[in-house]
C-alpha atoms as a PDB file:
ATOM      1  CA  MET A   1      -0.136   0.058  -0.107  1.00  0.00           C
ATOM      2  CA  ILE A   2       1.151   3.585  -0.744  1.00  0.00           C
ATOM      3  CA  ASP A   3       0.582   6.072   2.159  1.00  0.00           C
ATOM      4  CA  LEU A   4      -0.654   8.866   0.001  1.00  0.00           C
ATOM      5  CA  GLU A   5      -0.353  11.313   3.511  1.00  0.00           C
ATOM      6  CA  LYS A   6       3.351  10.594   3.449  1.00  0.00           C
ATOM      7  CA  LEU A   7       3.624  11.916  -0.357  1.00  0.00           C
ATOM      8  CA  THR A   8       4.845  15.502  -0.732  1.00  0.00           C
ATOM      9  CA  GLY A   9       4.752  18.161  -3.693  1.00  0.00           C
ATOM     10  CA  SER A  10       2.612  20.772  -4.928  1.00  0.00           C
ATOM     11  CA  LYS A  11      -0.462  21.788  -6.433  1.00  0.00           C
ATOM     12  CA  THR A  12       1.198  23.745  -9.011  1.00  0.00           C
ATOM     13  CA  TYR A  13       3.578  21.937 -11.481  1.00  0.00           C
ATOM     14  CA  GLU A  14       7.315  23.651 -11.388  1.00  0.00           C
ATOM     15  CA  GLY A  15       9.323  21.776 -13.933  1.00  0.00           C
ATOM     16  CA  GLU A  16       9.882  22.589 -17.357  1.00  0.00           C
ATOM     17  CA  ASN A  17       8.473  19.214 -18.906  1.00  0.00           C
ATOM     18  CA  TRP A  18       4.571  19.929 -19.035  1.00  0.00           C
ATOM     19  CA  LEU A  19       3.574  16.206 -20.289  1.00  0.00           C
ATOM     20  CA  TYR A  20      -0.198  16.692 -19.423  1.00  0.00           C
ATOM     21  CA  PHE A  21      -1.089  20.268 -18.990  1.00  0.00           C
ATOM     22  CA  PRO A  22       1.245  23.115 -20.300  1.00  0.00           C
ATOM     23  CA  PRO A  23       0.608  26.444 -18.839  1.00  0.00           C
ATOM     24  CA  LYS A  24      -2.060  27.925 -21.205  1.00  0.00           C
ATOM     25  CA  LYS A  25      -4.076  24.553 -20.808  1.00  0.00           C
ATOM     26  CA  HIS A  26      -3.598  24.502 -17.071  1.00  0.00           C
ATOM     27  CA  GLU A  27      -4.764  28.059 -16.752  1.00  0.00           C
ATOM     28  CA  GLU A  28      -7.783  27.426 -18.612  1.00  0.00           C
ATOM     29  CA  LEU A  29      -8.828  24.398 -16.419  1.00  0.00           C
ATOM     30  CA  PRO A  30     -11.730  25.111 -13.774  1.00  0.00           C
ATOM     31  CA  LEU A  31     -10.411  25.620 -10.082  1.00  0.00           C
ATOM     32  CA  GLU A  32     -12.098  22.510  -9.021  1.00  0.00           C
ATOM     33  CA  HIS A  33     -10.048  20.483 -11.468  1.00  0.00           C
ATOM     34  CA  LYS A  34      -7.053  22.255 -10.617  1.00  0.00           C
ATOM     35  CA  ASP A  35      -7.341  21.633  -6.715  1.00  0.00           C
ATOM     36  CA  GLN A  36      -7.782  17.728  -7.559  1.00  0.00           C
ATOM     37  CA  LEU A  37      -4.248  17.796  -9.248  1.00  0.00           C
ATOM     38  CA  PHE A  38      -1.377  17.064  -7.055  1.00  0.00           C
ATOM     39  CA  TYR A  39       2.206  17.050  -8.309  1.00  0.00           C
ATOM     40  CA  LEU A  40       4.774  14.767  -6.523  1.00  0.00           C
ATOM     41  CA  ASP A  41       8.174  16.105  -5.835  1.00  0.00           C
ATOM     42  CA  ASN A  42      11.239  13.926  -6.713  1.00  0.00           C
ATOM     43  CA  GLU A  43      11.381  12.438  -3.366  1.00  0.00           C
ATOM     44  CA  SER A  44       7.570  11.064  -3.611  1.00  0.00           C
ATOM     45  CA  LYS A  45       8.011  10.004  -7.044  1.00  0.00           C
ATOM     46  CA  GLU A  46      11.342   8.003  -6.156  1.00  0.00           C
ATOM     47  CA  HIS A  47       9.222   6.340  -3.327  1.00  0.00           C
ATOM     48  CA  VAL A  48       6.157   5.504  -5.726  1.00  0.00           C
ATOM     49  CA  TYR A  49       8.623   4.272  -8.579  1.00  0.00           C
ATOM     50  CA  ASN A  50      10.297   1.961  -5.852  1.00  0.00           C
ATOM     51  CA  ILE A  51       7.230   0.377  -4.658  1.00  0.00           C
ATOM     52  CA  ALA A  52       5.764  -0.157  -8.489  1.00  0.00           C
ATOM     53  CA  ASN A  53       9.094  -1.696  -9.262  1.00  0.00           C
ATOM     54  CA  ASP A  54       9.521  -3.916  -6.042  1.00  0.00           C
ATOM     55  CA  LEU A  55       5.854  -5.213  -6.661  1.00  0.00           C
ATOM     56  CA  ASP A  56       6.530  -5.671 -10.347  1.00  0.00           C
ATOM     57  CA  ILE A  57       3.305  -3.778 -10.696  1.00  0.00           C
ATOM     58  CA  LEU A  58       2.996  -4.869 -14.354  1.00  0.00           C
ATOM     59  CA  CYS A  59       3.542  -8.604 -13.449  1.00  0.00           C
ATOM     60  CA  GLY A  60       5.138 -10.229 -16.206  1.00  0.00           C
ATOM     61  CA  ASP A  61       5.980  -7.357 -18.625  1.00  0.00           C
ATOM     62  CA  ASP A  62       8.783  -7.640 -21.259  1.00  0.00           C
ATOM     63  CA  GLY A  63      10.293  -3.989 -19.756  1.00  0.00           C
ATOM     64  CA  TRP A  64       9.153  -2.451 -22.739  1.00  0.00           C
ATOM     65  CA  GLY A  65       5.041  -2.402 -22.151  1.00  0.00           C
ATOM     66  CA  ASN A  66       3.907  -5.096 -24.871  1.00  0.00           C
ATOM     67  CA  LYS A  67       3.144  -7.987 -22.424  1.00  0.00           C
ATOM     68  CA  PRO A  68       1.841  -6.499 -18.846  1.00  0.00           C
ATOM     69  CA  PHE A  69      -0.020  -8.468 -16.426  1.00  0.00           C
ATOM     70  CA  SER A  70       0.847 -11.413 -18.490  1.00  0.00           C
ATOM     71  CA  GLY A  71       2.392 -13.243 -15.229  1.00  0.00           C
ATOM     72  CA  GLY A  72      -0.839 -14.323 -13.655  1.00  0.00           C
ATOM     73  CA  CYS A  73      -0.553 -11.912 -10.670  1.00  0.00           C
ATOM     74  CA  TYR A  74      -4.066 -10.419 -11.111  1.00  0.00           C
ATOM     75  CA  GLU A  75      -7.426 -12.185 -10.879  1.00  0.00           C
ATOM     76  CA  ASN A  76      -8.783 -10.143 -13.902  1.00  0.00           C
ATOM     77  CA  VAL A  77      -7.458  -8.455 -16.499  1.00  0.00           C
ATOM     78  CA  ILE A  78      -9.469  -6.656 -19.309  1.00  0.00           C
ATOM     79  CA  LYS A  79      -8.217  -4.868 -22.520  1.00  0.00           C
ATOM     80  CA  THR A  80      -9.348  -2.525 -24.987  1.00  0.00           C
ATOM     81  CA  GLU A  81      -7.791  -1.657 -28.281  1.00  0.00           C
ATOM     82  CA  SER A  82      -9.907   0.694 -29.858  1.00  0.00           C
ATOM     83  CA  TRP A  83     -12.426   3.523 -29.255  1.00  0.00           C
ATOM     84  CA  ALA A  84     -14.130   5.720 -31.899  1.00  0.00           C
ATOM     85  CA  THR A  85     -14.723   8.523 -29.543  1.00  0.00           C
ATOM     86  CA  GLU A  86     -13.750  10.093 -26.099  1.00  0.00           C
ATOM     87  CA  ASP A  87     -16.981   9.207 -24.970  1.00  0.00           C
ATOM     88  CA  GLU A  88     -16.494   5.475 -25.552  1.00  0.00           C
ATOM     89  CA  LEU A  89     -13.265   5.437 -23.975  1.00  0.00           C
ATOM     90  CA  LYS A  90     -14.860   7.259 -20.924  1.00  0.00           C
ATOM     91  CA  LYS A  91     -17.574   4.748 -20.496  1.00  0.00           C
ATOM     92  CA  TRP A  92     -14.926   1.624 -20.736  1.00  0.00           C
ATOM     93  CA  MET A  93     -13.051   3.305 -17.893  1.00  0.00           C
ATOM     94  CA  TYR A  94     -16.549   3.695 -15.907  1.00  0.00           C
ATOM     95  CA  LYS A  95     -17.303  -0.006 -16.445  1.00  0.00           C
ATOM     96  CA  CYS A  96     -13.889  -0.766 -14.596  1.00  0.00           C
ATOM     97  CA  GLY A  97     -16.009  -0.089 -11.499  1.00  0.00           C
ATOM     98  CA  VAL A  98     -13.657   2.277  -9.624  1.00  0.00           C
ATOM     99  CA  PRO A  99     -15.389   5.170  -7.623  1.00  0.00           C
ATOM    100  CA  PHE A 100     -14.927   8.337  -9.076  1.00  0.00           C
ATOM    101  CA  ARG A 101     -13.966  10.119  -5.459  1.00  0.00           C
ATOM    102  CA  SER A 102     -10.788   7.293  -5.408  1.00  0.00           C
ATOM    103  CA  LYS A 103      -7.175   8.520  -5.356  1.00  0.00           C
ATOM    104  CA  VAL A 104      -4.986   7.689  -8.010  1.00  0.00           C
ATOM    105  CA  LEU A 105      -1.335   7.790  -8.756  1.00  0.00           C
ATOM    106  CA  LEU A 106      -0.192   8.444 -12.659  1.00  0.00           C
ATOM    107  CA  LEU A 107       3.197   7.205 -13.600  1.00  0.00           C
ATOM    108  CA  PRO A 108       4.740   7.696 -16.713  1.00  0.00           C
ATOM    109  CA  VAL A 109       6.659   4.596 -17.549  1.00  0.00           C
ATOM    110  CA  PHE A 110       9.404   5.805 -19.857  1.00  0.00           C
ATOM    111  CA  ALA A 111       9.628   9.261 -18.240  1.00  0.00           C
ATOM    112  CA  PRO A 112      12.689  11.316 -17.559  1.00  0.00           C
ATOM    113  CA  LYS A 113      13.176  12.101 -13.826  1.00  0.00           C
ATOM    114  CA  ASP A 114      11.523  15.785 -14.722  1.00  0.00           C
ATOM    115  CA  GLN A 115       8.186  14.396 -15.990  1.00  0.00           C
ATOM    116  CA  PRO A 116       5.268  15.092 -13.446  1.00  0.00           C
ATOM    117  CA  MET A 117       3.814  12.339 -11.682  1.00  0.00           C
ATOM    118  CA  LEU A 118       0.306  13.206 -10.399  1.00  0.00           C
ATOM    119  CA  GLN A 119      -1.763  12.068  -7.583  1.00  0.00           C
ATOM    120  CA  THR A 120      -5.324  12.797  -8.476  1.00  0.00           C
ATOM    121  CA  THR A 121      -9.085  11.221  -8.460  1.00  0.00           C
ATOM    122  CA  TRP A 122     -10.368   8.511 -10.832  1.00  0.00           C
ATOM    123  CA  LYS A 123     -13.068  10.993 -11.771  1.00  0.00           C
ATOM    124  CA  MET A 124     -10.176  13.330 -13.078  1.00  0.00           C
ATOM    125  CA  THR A 125      -8.229  10.398 -14.916  1.00  0.00           C
ATOM    126  CA  VAL A 126     -11.687   9.418 -16.652  1.00  0.00           C
ATOM    127  CA  LYS A 127     -12.668  13.086 -17.414  1.00  0.00           C
ATOM    128  CA  TYR A 128      -9.004  13.814 -18.899  1.00  0.00           C
ATOM    129  CA  ALA A 129      -8.857  10.622 -20.426  1.00  0.00           C
ATOM    130  CA  GLU A 130      -7.588  11.973 -23.749  1.00  0.00           C
ATOM    131  CA  THR A 131      -5.167  13.798 -22.496  1.00  0.00           C
ATOM    132  CA  PHE A 132      -3.635  11.404 -20.344  1.00  0.00           C
ATOM    133  CA  PHE A 133      -3.785   8.791 -23.070  1.00  0.00           C
ATOM    134  CA  SER A 134      -2.167  10.784 -25.587  1.00  0.00           C
ATOM    135  CA  TYR A 135       1.582  10.682 -24.696  1.00  0.00           C
ATOM    136  CA  ASP A 136       3.526   7.837 -23.937  1.00  0.00           C
ATOM    137  CA  ASN A 137       3.005   4.720 -21.919  1.00  0.00           C
ATOM    138  CA  LEU A 138       1.030   5.307 -18.328  1.00  0.00           C
ATOM    139  CA  ILE A 139       0.471   3.515 -15.484  1.00  0.00           C
ATOM    140  CA  ILE A 140      -2.381   4.373 -13.276  1.00  0.00           C
ATOM    141  CA  LEU A 141      -2.244   3.103  -9.805  1.00  0.00           C
ATOM    142  CA  ASP A 142      -4.716   2.597  -6.901  1.00  0.00           C
ATOM    143  CA  PRO A 143      -2.594   3.523  -3.950  1.00  0.00           C
ATOM    144  CA  LYS A 144      -4.311   0.532  -1.890  1.00  0.00           C
ATOM    145  CA  LEU A 145      -2.705  -1.875  -5.085  1.00  0.00           C
ATOM    146  CA  LYS A 146      -6.287  -3.331  -5.387  1.00  0.00           C
ATOM    147  CA  TRP A 147      -6.036  -2.505  -9.314  1.00  0.00           C
ATOM    148  CA  CYS A 148      -3.688  -1.215 -11.808  1.00  0.00           C
ATOM    149  CA  LEU A 149      -4.387   0.690 -15.398  1.00  0.00           C
ATOM    150  CA  TYR A 150      -1.775   0.463 -18.194  1.00  0.00           C
ATOM    151  CA  TYR A 151      -1.953   2.762 -21.230  1.00  0.00           C
ATOM    152  CA  HIS A 152       0.585   1.617 -24.060  1.00  0.00           C
ATOM    153  CA  HIS A 153       1.148   4.281 -26.399  1.00  0.00           C
ATOM    154  CA  ASP A 154      -0.576   2.310 -29.474  1.00  0.00           C
ATOM    155  CA  ASP A 155      -3.822   2.618 -27.718  1.00  0.00           C
ATOM    156  CA  ILE A 156      -4.206  -0.182 -25.928  1.00  0.00           C
ATOM    157  CA  ILE A 157      -5.424  -0.390 -22.515  1.00  0.00           C
ATOM    158  CA  TYR A 158      -5.605  -2.703 -19.583  1.00  0.00           C
ATOM    159  CA  PHE A 159      -7.193  -2.736 -16.308  1.00  0.00           C
ATOM    160  CA  ALA A 160      -6.117  -5.446 -13.605  1.00  0.00           C
ATOM    161  CA  GLU A 161      -7.661  -6.132 -10.787  1.00  0.00           C
ATOM    162  CA  GLY A 162      -7.435  -8.842  -7.759  1.00  0.00           C
ATOM    163  CA  ARG A 163      -3.829  -8.668  -7.479  1.00  0.00           C
ATOM    164  CA  ARG A 164      -2.364 -11.859  -5.786  1.00  0.00           C
ATOM    165  CA  PHE A 165       0.452 -10.741  -3.535  1.00  0.00           C
END
């Protein structure tokens, strides 16, 4: 389990690498949405990455994101490879059954150290899915480690739940 109370960071992103919301786009976000974005500092990012690596969170992956969750560590794995519209994507995510109020962590997979790692809610993840799923590979992690979502840059999304520890 990842103790969110021990993670530190800021409501504003201080880095140079604006992966999700460049300054102009960030300014346009409603205040209610900005308040749900928490950028982790380097120490907290390292802590989260260490936990994800120690647990082999993608369970059996080949190291490049081509075979996530193939090691049998999760009871259920669902996959989608295509969606015609943003609404279809959001419906698929909704069907994953994660409560909107749930806190989540967004971990860029192949990111340089200056890439932002976000703590936000599942609701924000669904709302801005097209933004989050328009770059490189991304892990969306439940801090309680009950489930994990993996976005592959070829527009393939896996949702795994029921981790067998």
